[in-house]
């Protein structure tokens, strides 16, 4: 189930990520969703890939996700 908009992302994602990180998550999830179309567990793969994409540009500091400075 690809997401049409940020408002459609799981609440657990929307609640913790800043807007730009949510955009990254959305785009990465949707790309992975289509890439793994033939796999039974494609939703799990898509979520993992989306989090991986976010972690390339953001890191968790205390309870907040912030842009990486490196």
C-alpha atoms as a PDB file:
ATOM      1  CA  UNK A   1       0.000   0.000   0.000  1.00  0.00           C
ATOM      2  CA  UNK A   2       1.955   3.000  -1.183  1.00  0.00           C
ATOM      3  CA  UNK A   3       1.239   6.262   0.595  1.00  0.00           C
ATOM      4  CA  UNK A   4      -0.306   9.124  -1.354  1.00  0.00           C
ATOM      5  CA  UNK A   5       0.666  11.901   1.059  1.00  0.00           C
ATOM      6  CA  UNK A   6       2.453  12.535   4.341  1.00  0.00           C
ATOM      7  CA  UNK A   7      -0.875  12.543   6.153  1.00  0.00           C
ATOM      8  CA  UNK A   8      -1.266   8.893   5.108  1.00  0.00           C
ATOM      9  CA  UNK A   9       1.969   7.736   6.760  1.00  0.00           C
ATOM     10  CA  UNK A  10       1.668   5.707   9.961  1.00  0.00           C
ATOM     11  CA  UNK A  11       1.160   7.877  13.036  1.00  0.00           C
ATOM     12  CA  UNK A  12       4.340   6.408  14.512  1.00  0.00           C
ATOM     13  CA  UNK A  13       6.302   7.969  11.642  1.00  0.00           C
ATOM     14  CA  UNK A  14       4.473  11.293  11.547  1.00  0.00           C
ATOM     15  CA  UNK A  15       4.763  11.728  15.303  1.00  0.00           C
ATOM     16  CA  UNK A  16       8.552  11.413  15.497  1.00  0.00           C
ATOM     17  CA  UNK A  17       9.976  12.682  12.202  1.00  0.00           C
ATOM     18  CA  UNK A  18      10.270  16.288  11.043  1.00  0.00           C
ATOM     19  CA  UNK A  19       8.467  17.187   7.821  1.00  0.00           C
ATOM     20  CA  UNK A  20      11.466  16.811   5.500  1.00  0.00           C
ATOM     21  CA  UNK A  21      12.291  13.400   6.967  1.00  0.00           C
ATOM     22  CA  UNK A  22       8.660  12.360   6.422  1.00  0.00           C
ATOM     23  CA  UNK A  23       9.002  13.340   2.752  1.00  0.00           C
ATOM     24  CA  UNK A  24      12.113  11.167   2.491  1.00  0.00           C
ATOM     25  CA  UNK A  25      10.311   8.292   4.202  1.00  0.00           C
ATOM     26  CA  UNK A  26       7.316   8.587   1.888  1.00  0.00           C
ATOM     27  CA  UNK A  27       9.395   8.618  -1.297  1.00  0.00           C
ATOM     28  CA  UNK A  28      11.655   5.752  -0.206  1.00  0.00           C
ATOM     29  CA  UNK A  29       8.739   3.623   0.980  1.00  0.00           C
ATOM     30  CA  UNK A  30       6.840   4.054  -2.273  1.00  0.00           C
ATOM     31  CA  UNK A  31       9.901   3.252  -4.420  1.00  0.00           C
ATOM     32  CA  UNK A  32      10.626   0.137  -2.374  1.00  0.00           C
ATOM     33  CA  UNK A  33       6.958  -0.891  -2.413  1.00  0.00           C
ATOM     34  CA  UNK A  34       7.027  -1.036  -6.204  1.00  0.00           C
ATOM     35  CA  UNK A  35      10.498  -2.612  -6.368  1.00  0.00           C
ATOM     36  CA  UNK A  36       9.539  -5.550  -4.133  1.00  0.00           C
ATOM     37  CA  UNK A  37       6.153  -6.124  -5.770  1.00  0.00           C
ATOM     38  CA  UNK A  38       6.670  -9.861  -6.150  1.00  0.00           C
ATOM     39  CA  UNK A  39       7.672 -10.474  -2.518  1.00  0.00           C
ATOM     40  CA  UNK A  40       5.199 -11.542   0.124  1.00  0.00           C
ATOM     41  CA  UNK A  41       6.813  -9.406   2.832  1.00  0.00           C
ATOM     42  CA  UNK A  42       7.297  -6.322   0.696  1.00  0.00           C
ATOM     43  CA  UNK A  43       5.692  -3.978   3.234  1.00  0.00           C
ATOM     44  CA  UNK A  44       8.282  -4.941   5.831  1.00  0.00           C
ATOM     45  CA  UNK A  45      11.085  -4.384   3.298  1.00  0.00           C
ATOM     46  CA  UNK A  46       9.635  -1.044   2.250  1.00  0.00           C
ATOM     47  CA  UNK A  47       9.461   0.217   5.847  1.00  0.00           C
ATOM     48  CA  UNK A  48      13.048  -0.878   6.522  1.00  0.00           C
ATOM     49  CA  UNK A  49      14.292   0.829   3.383  1.00  0.00           C
ATOM     50  CA  UNK A  50      12.347   3.984   4.222  1.00  0.00           C
ATOM     51  CA  UNK A  51      13.885   4.153   7.698  1.00  0.00           C
ATOM     52  CA  UNK A  52      17.309   3.544   6.167  1.00  0.00           C
ATOM     53  CA  UNK A  53      16.805   6.455   3.792  1.00  0.00           C
ATOM     54  CA  UNK A  54      15.832   8.727   6.675  1.00  0.00           C
ATOM     55  CA  UNK A  55      18.871   7.638   8.706  1.00  0.00           C
ATOM     56  CA  UNK A  56      21.210   8.722   5.901  1.00  0.00           C
ATOM     57  CA  UNK A  57      20.247  12.360   6.469  1.00  0.00           C
ATOM     58  CA  UNK A  58      18.841  12.358  10.003  1.00  0.00           C
ATOM     59  CA  UNK A  59      19.916  11.008  13.351  1.00  0.00           C
ATOM     60  CA  UNK A  60      18.138  10.601  16.632  1.00  0.00           C
ATOM     61  CA  UNK A  61      19.364  12.870  19.417  1.00  0.00           C
ATOM     62  CA  UNK A  62      17.650  12.237  22.693  1.00  0.00           C
ATOM     63  CA  UNK A  63      13.974  11.985  21.683  1.00  0.00           C
ATOM     64  CA  UNK A  64      14.210  14.029  18.479  1.00  0.00           C
ATOM     65  CA  UNK A  65      15.260  13.329  14.902  1.00  0.00           C
ATOM     66  CA  UNK A  66      17.600  16.038  13.616  1.00  0.00           C
ATOM     67  CA  UNK A  67      19.532  16.559  10.389  1.00  0.00           C
ATOM     68  CA  UNK A  68      23.002  15.086  10.405  1.00  0.00           C
ATOM     69  CA  UNK A  69      25.805  17.600  10.501  1.00  0.00           C
ATOM     70  CA  UNK A  70      28.464  15.421   8.892  1.00  0.00           C
END
